[in-house]
Protein backbone atom coordinates (compact mmCIF):
# COMPACT_ATOMS: atom_id res chain seq x y z
CA MET A 1 0.00 0.00 0.00
CA THR A 2 1.27 3.47 -0.94
CA LEU A 3 0.59 6.74 0.84
CA TYR A 4 -0.88 9.65 -1.18
CA SER A 5 -1.60 13.26 -0.24
CA TYR A 6 -4.65 14.85 -1.78
CA LYS A 7 -6.57 18.10 -2.02
CA VAL A 8 -10.28 17.79 -2.79
CA LYS A 9 -13.58 19.68 -2.62
CA ASP A 10 -16.47 18.18 -0.71
CA GLN A 11 -20.14 18.46 -1.72
CA LYS A 12 -20.40 21.86 0.01
CA GLY A 13 -17.41 23.25 -1.91
CA LYS A 14 -15.05 23.17 1.08
CA VAL A 15 -11.42 22.35 0.28
CA VAL A 16 -10.11 19.35 2.22
CA GLU A 17 -6.46 18.21 2.43
CA ASP A 18 -5.48 14.85 3.88
CA LEU A 19 -3.71 11.54 3.29
CA ILE A 20 -4.98 8.26 1.89
CA GLN A 21 -3.43 4.82 1.55
CA ALA A 22 -4.12 2.77 -1.57
CA PRO A 23 -2.46 0.21 -3.90
CA SER A 24 -2.19 2.80 -6.70
CA ILE A 25 -3.03 6.41 -7.51
CA LYS A 26 -6.04 5.24 -9.58
CA ASP A 27 -7.42 3.30 -6.60
CA ALA A 28 -6.91 6.33 -4.34
CA ALA A 29 -8.73 8.58 -6.82
CA ALA A 30 -11.57 6.07 -7.19
CA THR A 31 -12.02 5.90 -3.42
CA LEU A 32 -12.18 9.69 -3.11
CA VAL A 33 -14.67 10.01 -5.99
CA SER A 34 -16.87 7.30 -4.48
CA ASP A 35 -16.90 9.30 -1.22
CA GLY A 36 -18.32 12.27 -3.14
CA TYR A 37 -15.19 14.39 -3.40
CA LYS A 38 -14.05 16.41 -6.41
CA ILE A 39 -10.31 15.83 -6.79
CA LEU A 40 -8.08 18.89 -7.14
CA THR A 41 -4.67 17.29 -6.70
CA ILE A 42 -3.40 13.88 -5.64
CA LYS A 43 0.23 12.79 -5.48
CA LYS A 44 2.39 10.09 -3.99
CA VAL A 45 4.13 10.84 -0.69
CA ASP A 46 7.82 9.98 -1.01
CA GLN A 47 8.58 8.09 2.18
CA ASN A 48 12.09 7.08 1.15
CA ILE A 49 13.75 10.03 2.87
CA GLY A 50 16.66 8.32 4.50
CA GLY A 51 19.23 8.56 1.72
CA ILE A 52 22.74 9.94 2.03
CA LEU A 53 21.98 13.24 0.35
CA SER A 54 18.59 13.78 1.97
CA GLY A 55 20.10 15.36 5.05
CA SER A 56 18.59 15.04 8.50
CA ILE A 57 16.25 16.92 10.79
CA SER A 58 18.24 19.52 12.70
CA ILE A 59 18.31 19.57 16.49
CA SER A 60 16.78 23.06 16.52
CA ASP A 61 13.84 21.86 14.36
CA LYS A 62 13.25 18.88 16.67
CA ALA A 63 13.45 21.13 19.74
CA ALA A 64 10.88 23.54 18.29
CA PHE A 65 8.63 20.62 17.31
CA CYS A 66 8.76 19.18 20.86
CA ARG A 67 8.17 22.55 22.51
CA PHE A 68 5.13 23.44 20.37
CA LEU A 69 3.66 19.93 20.58
CA ALA A 70 3.98 19.95 24.39
CA THR A 71 2.17 23.31 24.51
CA MET A 72 -0.66 22.08 22.27
CA LEU A 73 -1.13 18.84 24.22
CA ARG A 74 -1.26 20.81 27.50
CA ALA A 75 -3.92 23.02 25.93
CA GLY A 76 -6.06 19.93 25.35
CA LEU A 77 -5.65 19.43 21.57
CA PRO A 78 -5.86 15.81 20.37
CA LEU A 79 -2.53 14.42 19.18
CA PRO A 80 -3.51 13.97 15.48
CA GLU A 81 -4.83 17.54 15.30
CA ALA A 82 -1.70 18.95 16.96
CA ILE A 83 0.53 17.03 14.53
CA ASP A 84 -1.47 18.31 11.56
CA ILE A 85 -0.96 21.92 12.70
CA LEU A 86 2.80 21.39 13.14
CA LYS A 87 2.99 19.54 9.82
CA ASP A 88 1.58 22.56 7.98
CA GLU A 89 3.91 24.95 9.81
CA ALA A 90 7.11 22.84 9.54
CA LYS A 91 9.87 24.53 7.54
CA SER A 92 12.00 21.39 7.28
CA ARG A 93 10.88 19.38 4.25
CA LYS A 94 11.98 16.12 5.85
CA LEU A 95 10.21 16.85 9.15
CA LYS A 96 7.05 17.69 7.19
CA LYS A 97 7.16 14.29 5.45
CA VAL A 98 7.77 12.48 8.75
CA LEU A 99 4.82 14.28 10.35
CA MET A 100 2.60 13.38 7.39
CA ASP A 101 3.41 9.73 8.02
CA VAL A 102 2.88 10.11 11.78
CA SER A 103 -0.46 11.86 11.25
CA PHE A 104 -1.75 9.10 8.99
CA GLU A 105 -0.52 6.17 11.13
CA VAL A 106 -1.71 7.68 14.44
CA ARG A 107 -5.22 8.03 13.01
CA LYS A 108 -5.10 4.32 12.16
CA GLY A 109 -4.40 3.55 15.82
CA LYS A 110 -0.62 3.22 15.90
CA THR A 111 1.45 4.87 18.61
CA MET A 112 3.65 7.83 17.78
CA SER A 113 6.77 6.11 19.13
CA SER A 114 6.26 3.10 16.84
CA VAL A 115 5.93 5.35 13.79
CA LEU A 116 8.97 7.47 14.68
CA SER A 117 11.03 4.31 15.25
CA LYS A 118 11.11 3.93 11.44
CA TYR A 119 13.24 7.10 11.30
CA LYS A 120 16.07 6.03 13.59
CA ARG A 121 18.54 8.28 11.78
CA ASP A 122 16.68 11.33 13.09
CA PHE A 123 15.14 10.07 16.32
CA ASP A 124 17.60 8.37 18.67
CA PRO A 125 16.76 5.78 21.38
CA VAL A 126 16.54 8.51 24.04
CA PHE A 127 13.85 10.37 22.09
CA LEU A 128 11.87 7.20 21.33
CA THR A 129 12.11 5.91 24.92
CA MET A 130 10.80 9.19 26.36
CA ILE A 131 7.89 9.34 23.91
CA LYS A 132 7.01 5.71 24.68
CA ALA A 133 7.14 6.43 28.42
CA GLY A 134 4.84 9.41 27.91
CA GLU A 135 2.38 7.27 25.93
CA GLU A 136 2.31 4.56 28.61
CA SER A 137 1.91 7.02 31.51
CA GLY A 138 -0.45 9.41 29.74
CA THR A 139 1.97 12.32 30.18
CA MET A 140 3.09 12.96 26.61
CA ASP A 141 3.05 16.72 27.16
CA LYS A 142 5.65 16.37 29.93
CA SER A 143 7.75 13.99 27.81
CA PHE A 144 7.85 16.43 24.92
CA ASP A 145 8.58 19.28 27.32
CA TYR A 146 11.55 17.36 28.76
CA MET A 147 12.77 16.51 25.25
CA ALA A 148 12.56 20.15 24.17
CA LYS A 149 14.78 21.20 27.11
CA GLN A 150 17.17 18.30 26.46
CA LEU A 151 17.50 19.13 22.77
CA ILE A 152 18.02 22.84 23.43
CA LEU A 153 20.83 22.08 25.89
CA THR A 154 22.37 19.58 23.44
CA TYR A 155 22.17 22.20 20.68
CA GLU A 156 23.91 24.78 22.88
CA LEU A 157 26.70 22.31 23.70
CA ILE A 158 27.21 21.47 20.01
CA GLN A 159 27.31 25.18 19.15
CA LYS A 160 30.01 25.72 21.78
CA VAL A 161 32.12 22.93 20.27
CA LYS A 162 31.61 24.31 16.75
CA GLY A 163 32.42 27.84 17.89
CA ALA A 164 35.64 26.69 19.52
CA MET A 165 36.73 24.83 16.39
CA MET A 166 35.77 27.57 13.93
CA TYR A 167 39.09 29.45 14.12
CA PRO A 168 41.29 26.37 13.46
CA ILE A 169 39.03 25.28 10.60
CA VAL A 170 39.17 28.72 8.94
CA ILE A 171 42.97 28.83 9.23
CA VAL A 172 43.44 25.32 7.84
CA GLY A 173 40.95 26.07 5.05
CA ALA A 174 42.85 29.23 4.13
CA MET A 175 46.12 27.24 4.03
CA ILE A 176 44.60 24.64 1.70
CA ALA A 177 43.11 27.34 -0.56
CA ASN A 178 46.46 29.14 -0.72
CA PHE A 179 48.23 25.88 -1.58
CA VAL A 180 45.75 25.13 -4.40
CA VAL A 181 46.17 28.66 -5.86
CA MET A 182 49.98 28.34 -5.76
CA LEU A 183 49.83 24.88 -7.30
CA VAL A 184 47.44 25.73 -10.14
CA PHE A 185 48.31 29.33 -11.05
CA VAL A 186 51.78 30.27 -9.75
CA LEU A 187 54.04 27.19 -9.89
CA PRO A 188 53.35 26.28 -13.55
CA LYS A 189 54.52 29.75 -14.69
CA LEU A 190 57.62 29.69 -12.48
CA ALA A 191 58.45 26.19 -13.71
CA THR A 192 58.32 27.32 -17.33
CA VAL A 193 60.68 30.26 -16.64
CA PHE A 194 63.27 28.35 -14.60
CA PHE A 195 63.40 25.25 -16.80
CA GLN A 196 63.91 27.41 -19.93
CA LEU A 197 66.86 29.23 -18.28
CA ASN A 198 68.71 25.95 -17.63
CA VAL A 199 69.70 27.05 -14.13
CA LYS A 200 71.06 24.42 -11.74
CA LEU A 201 68.34 23.95 -9.16
CA PRO A 202 68.39 22.44 -5.65
CA PRO A 203 66.59 19.04 -5.47
CA ALA A 204 63.69 20.43 -3.38
CA THR A 205 63.13 23.32 -5.79
CA LYS A 206 63.38 21.03 -8.81
CA PHE A 207 60.76 18.70 -7.32
CA VAL A 208 58.34 21.57 -6.54
CA LEU A 209 58.75 23.06 -10.02
CA SER A 210 58.31 19.63 -11.65
CA VAL A 211 54.99 19.32 -9.85
CA GLY A 212 54.06 22.81 -11.06
CA GLU A 213 55.02 21.90 -14.63
CA PHE A 214 52.89 18.76 -14.47
CA VAL A 215 49.89 20.73 -13.16
CA GLY A 216 50.40 23.32 -15.91
CA LYS A 217 50.25 20.65 -18.62
CA TYR A 218 47.28 18.77 -17.14
CA THR A 219 45.37 21.55 -15.35
CA THR A 220 41.90 20.27 -16.32
CA GLU A 221 42.68 16.70 -15.30
CA VAL A 222 44.20 17.85 -11.98
CA LEU A 223 41.19 20.03 -11.15
CA VAL A 224 38.81 17.17 -12.01
CA GLY A 225 40.87 14.88 -9.77
CA VAL A 226 40.79 17.40 -6.89
CA PHE A 227 37.00 17.80 -7.16
CA ALA A 228 36.55 14.02 -7.42
CA PHE A 229 38.69 13.53 -4.32
CA ALA A 230 36.70 16.18 -2.44
CA PHE A 231 33.43 14.50 -3.46
CA ILE A 232 34.67 11.07 -2.31
CA VAL A 233 35.73 12.55 1.05
CA PHE A 234 32.30 14.18 1.39
CA MET A 235 30.57 10.86 0.67
CA LEU A 236 32.80 9.02 3.13
CA PHE A 237 31.90 11.52 5.85
CA ASN A 238 28.25 10.55 5.34
CA ILE A 239 29.08 6.96 6.28
CA GLN A 240 28.73 6.37 10.01
CA LYS A 241 31.69 3.97 10.21
CA THR A 242 34.00 6.55 8.63
CA ARG A 243 32.86 9.27 11.03
CA ASP A 244 33.37 6.89 13.96
CA ALA A 245 36.90 5.99 12.80
CA ILE A 246 37.87 9.68 12.48
CA PHE A 247 36.28 10.43 15.84
CA ASP A 248 38.18 7.57 17.50
CA PHE A 249 41.46 8.83 16.03
CA PHE A 250 41.05 12.37 17.35
CA MET A 251 39.65 11.07 20.61
CA GLY A 252 42.96 9.31 21.27
CA LEU A 253 44.88 12.60 21.26
CA PRO A 254 45.80 13.58 24.85
CA ALA A 255 44.52 17.18 24.57
CA ILE A 256 41.13 16.07 23.24
CA LYS A 257 40.50 12.84 25.17
CA GLY A 258 39.75 14.64 28.45
CA ILE A 259 37.24 16.96 26.76
CA VAL A 260 35.53 14.01 25.06
CA ILE A 261 35.13 12.24 28.41
CA GLN A 262 33.64 15.41 29.91
CA ILE A 263 31.19 15.71 27.00
CA ASP A 264 30.19 12.06 27.45
CA VAL A 265 29.68 12.46 31.21
CA ALA A 266 27.59 15.60 30.61
CA ARG A 267 25.40 13.79 28.06
CA PHE A 268 25.09 10.69 30.26
CA SER A 269 24.06 12.75 33.30
CA ARG A 270 21.64 14.95 31.35
CA THR A 271 20.03 11.98 29.58
CA LEU A 272 19.69 9.87 32.74
CA SER A 273 18.20 12.81 34.64
CA THR A 274 15.67 13.51 31.88
CA LEU A 275 14.62 9.87 31.50
CA LEU A 276 14.18 9.41 35.27
CA ALA A 277 12.13 12.60 35.43
CA SER A 278 9.89 11.16 32.67
CA GLY A 279 9.14 8.09 34.75
CA VAL A 280 11.20 5.62 32.70
CA PRO A 281 12.37 2.57 34.77
CA ILE A 282 16.01 2.95 35.79
CA MET A 283 17.14 -0.24 34.02
CA VAL A 284 15.72 1.03 30.73
CA CYS A 285 17.27 4.44 31.42
CA LEU A 286 20.73 2.95 31.86
CA GLU A 287 20.47 0.82 28.72
CA VAL A 288 19.52 3.90 26.69
CA CYS A 289 22.15 6.11 28.35
CA SER A 290 24.95 3.68 27.53
CA ASN A 291 24.22 4.27 23.84
CA VAL A 292 24.78 8.04 24.05
CA LEU A 293 28.41 7.54 25.14
CA ARG A 294 31.13 7.71 22.48
CA GLN A 295 34.21 6.97 24.58
CA PRO A 296 34.73 3.15 24.34
CA ALA A 297 35.83 2.63 27.97
CA LEU A 298 32.85 4.58 29.35
CA ARG A 299 30.42 2.82 27.02
CA LYS A 300 31.74 -0.62 27.95
CA GLN A 301 31.34 0.04 31.68
CA ALA A 302 27.91 1.66 31.24
CA LYS A 303 26.63 -1.44 29.42
CA GLN A 304 27.03 -3.37 32.72
CA PHE A 305 25.03 -0.92 34.85
CA SER A 306 21.57 -2.37 34.17
CA ALA A 307 22.76 -5.91 35.02
CA GLY A 308 24.07 -4.64 38.38
CA ILE A 309 20.79 -2.86 39.13
CA ALA A 310 18.92 -6.09 38.37
CA GLN A 311 21.01 -7.75 41.13
CA GLY A 312 19.80 -5.15 43.64
CA LYS A 313 22.94 -3.00 43.72
CA GLN A 314 23.00 0.80 43.78
CA LEU A 315 24.37 2.68 40.77
CA SER A 316 27.23 4.29 42.72
CA GLU A 317 28.21 0.87 44.11
CA ILE A 318 28.32 -0.60 40.58
CA ILE A 319 30.50 2.23 39.27
CA MET A 320 32.93 1.98 42.21
CA SER A 321 33.24 -1.80 41.92
CA GLY A 322 34.29 -1.60 38.27
CA LYS A 323 37.34 -0.06 36.67
CA LYS A 324 37.93 3.61 37.48
CA VAL A 325 36.75 4.86 34.11
CA PHE A 326 34.15 7.40 35.19
CA PRO A 327 35.59 10.43 37.02
CA SER A 328 35.45 10.19 40.82
CA THR A 329 33.26 13.32 40.88
CA VAL A 330 30.55 11.39 39.05
CA VAL A 331 30.65 8.51 41.53
CA GLN A 332 30.47 10.76 44.60
CA THR A 333 27.68 12.87 43.11
CA ILE A 334 25.55 9.83 42.24
CA LYS A 335 26.16 8.39 45.71
CA ALA A 336 25.00 11.64 47.33
CA GLY A 337 21.91 11.72 45.10
CA GLU A 338 20.97 8.15 45.99
CA LYS A 339 21.30 8.84 49.74
CA SER A 340 19.23 12.03 49.58
CA GLY A 341 16.63 10.58 47.18
CA SER A 342 17.21 13.39 44.69
CA LEU A 343 19.18 11.57 42.00
CA GLU A 344 17.40 13.37 39.14
CA SER A 345 18.23 16.90 40.33
CA VAL A 346 21.79 15.93 41.34
CA LEU A 347 22.43 14.46 37.87
CA GLU A 348 21.07 17.63 36.27
CA GLU A 349 23.44 19.77 38.36
CA MET A 350 26.36 17.50 37.45
CA ALA A 351 25.48 17.80 33.75
CA GLU A 352 25.53 21.59 34.06
CA PHE A 353 28.91 21.43 35.85
CA TYR A 354 30.51 19.30 33.13
CA GLU A 355 28.99 21.41 30.35
CA ARG A 356 30.68 24.47 31.90
CA GLU A 357 33.94 22.48 32.13
CA VAL A 358 33.67 21.57 28.46
CA ASP A 359 33.13 25.22 27.55
CA TYR A 360 36.17 26.31 29.59
CA ASN A 361 38.46 23.56 28.26
CA LEU A 362 37.44 24.19 24.66
CA LYS A 363 38.34 27.85 25.01
CA LYS A 364 41.68 26.88 26.56
CA LEU A 365 42.37 24.39 23.76
CA THR A 366 41.54 27.01 21.13
CA SER A 367 43.90 29.52 22.75
CA LEU A 368 46.68 26.91 22.57
CA LEU A 369 45.89 26.05 18.95
CA GLU A 370 46.10 29.64 17.72
CA PRO A 371 49.88 30.12 18.21
CA LEU A 372 50.52 26.54 17.08
CA LEU A 373 48.66 27.14 13.82
CA MET A 374 50.49 30.43 13.28
CA LEU A 375 53.79 28.58 13.77
CA VAL A 376 52.79 25.92 11.22
CA ILE A 377 51.76 28.60 8.72
CA GLY A 378 55.03 30.47 9.28
CA ILE A 379 57.09 27.30 8.72
CA ALA A 380 55.12 26.43 5.55
CA VAL A 381 55.47 29.94 4.10
CA GLY A 382 59.14 30.13 5.07
CA ALA A 383 59.89 26.77 3.45
CA MET A 384 58.13 27.83 0.24
CA VAL A 385 60.00 31.15 0.16
CA ILE A 386 63.38 29.45 0.66
CA ILE A 387 62.63 26.85 -2.01
CA MET A 388 61.65 29.53 -4.54
CA ILE A 389 64.26 32.19 -3.64
CA THR A 390 67.24 29.80 -3.78
CA PRO A 391 67.10 29.36 -7.60
CA ILE A 392 66.68 33.12 -8.03
CA TYR A 393 69.98 33.65 -6.18
CA SER A 394 71.51 30.91 -8.34
CA LEU A 395 70.25 32.70 -11.44
CA VAL A 396 71.62 36.09 -10.29
CA GLY A 397 74.96 34.49 -9.41
CA GLY A 398 75.16 32.90 -12.84
CA MET A 399 74.49 36.27 -14.52
CA ASN A 400 77.26 37.96 -12.49
CA GLN A 401 79.79 35.55 -13.94
CA PHE A 402 79.32 37.05 -17.42
């Protein structure tokens, strides 16, 4: 069965827009006509929206969706009606298509969490678990409210990381652009001049000019190769395994590893606090929270938490009995929260603490990278100048002999 969107006029002349499921567009049209509608438009809804180039729903779009849906549900609007309103107002094309599917399936009696589980690329286990908990407890408005706050805080953390890395990225990008300009436009001309003069060149200079000469002869082919390489790299970055491999490489660097652990602890604490506040059983919470961790050692230890809880142990006891992977601050904070019976609020405070630590350490790392990048640029420019000036001195010296 295929899903179609349609716009029709009823017997009173009122325009109606909705969805219909049918084996073909002819069957959908026949059903609408038999119901007394005059068809204006009818088209297939493309539900295959998970491709590489289709993009994904942004965190800010999901946060806005959760916030507005929570408000509508609190106001007493039925879920299908609230989704229809948000579907019409959604700016994201992909979110609009997802909401069309949700609207249709919910009217048929399916739960929202089961429909959204088809779009796992955009809705992670934390999101789906919270929605399911809200459906089971009858508190979907609170679940969406919690998710809106969670997504906003996640968005702010990501923006901090991006902001801290913007300066290094711009500098490295400028270096690459400068290298490409030198390679394509400057070196071929210099190579032609020096090779025609028959001047004895140092090996390094000869190699650089030979590269320039090659690029000058095959400029089109080189540019096509560069663009093809850039496209392949772009496609590889869209593969999850490639992103994970790159992440693991950078995560192993001493200066970055500590920040990554802090980010993981902040996400773990924030997610666990939010899930507990939504009424999700702690064993389910811990299973979901282990999936948000990226650091292998933390993830491996977190996978064992739910088994320890099932044996009647406390979370702080489980963490202390294992390897000292989680920071001691985390263990002591969880222990204090368990004793006072305020684990949710204590975890939220710990998440805020580590988010501030991440912000501070990112700024410190950026301040260290700035002089390092300037040094690298200086060395690269100096090396290029020496390589190119040396043959000029050789040329001048040869002229002085005449």
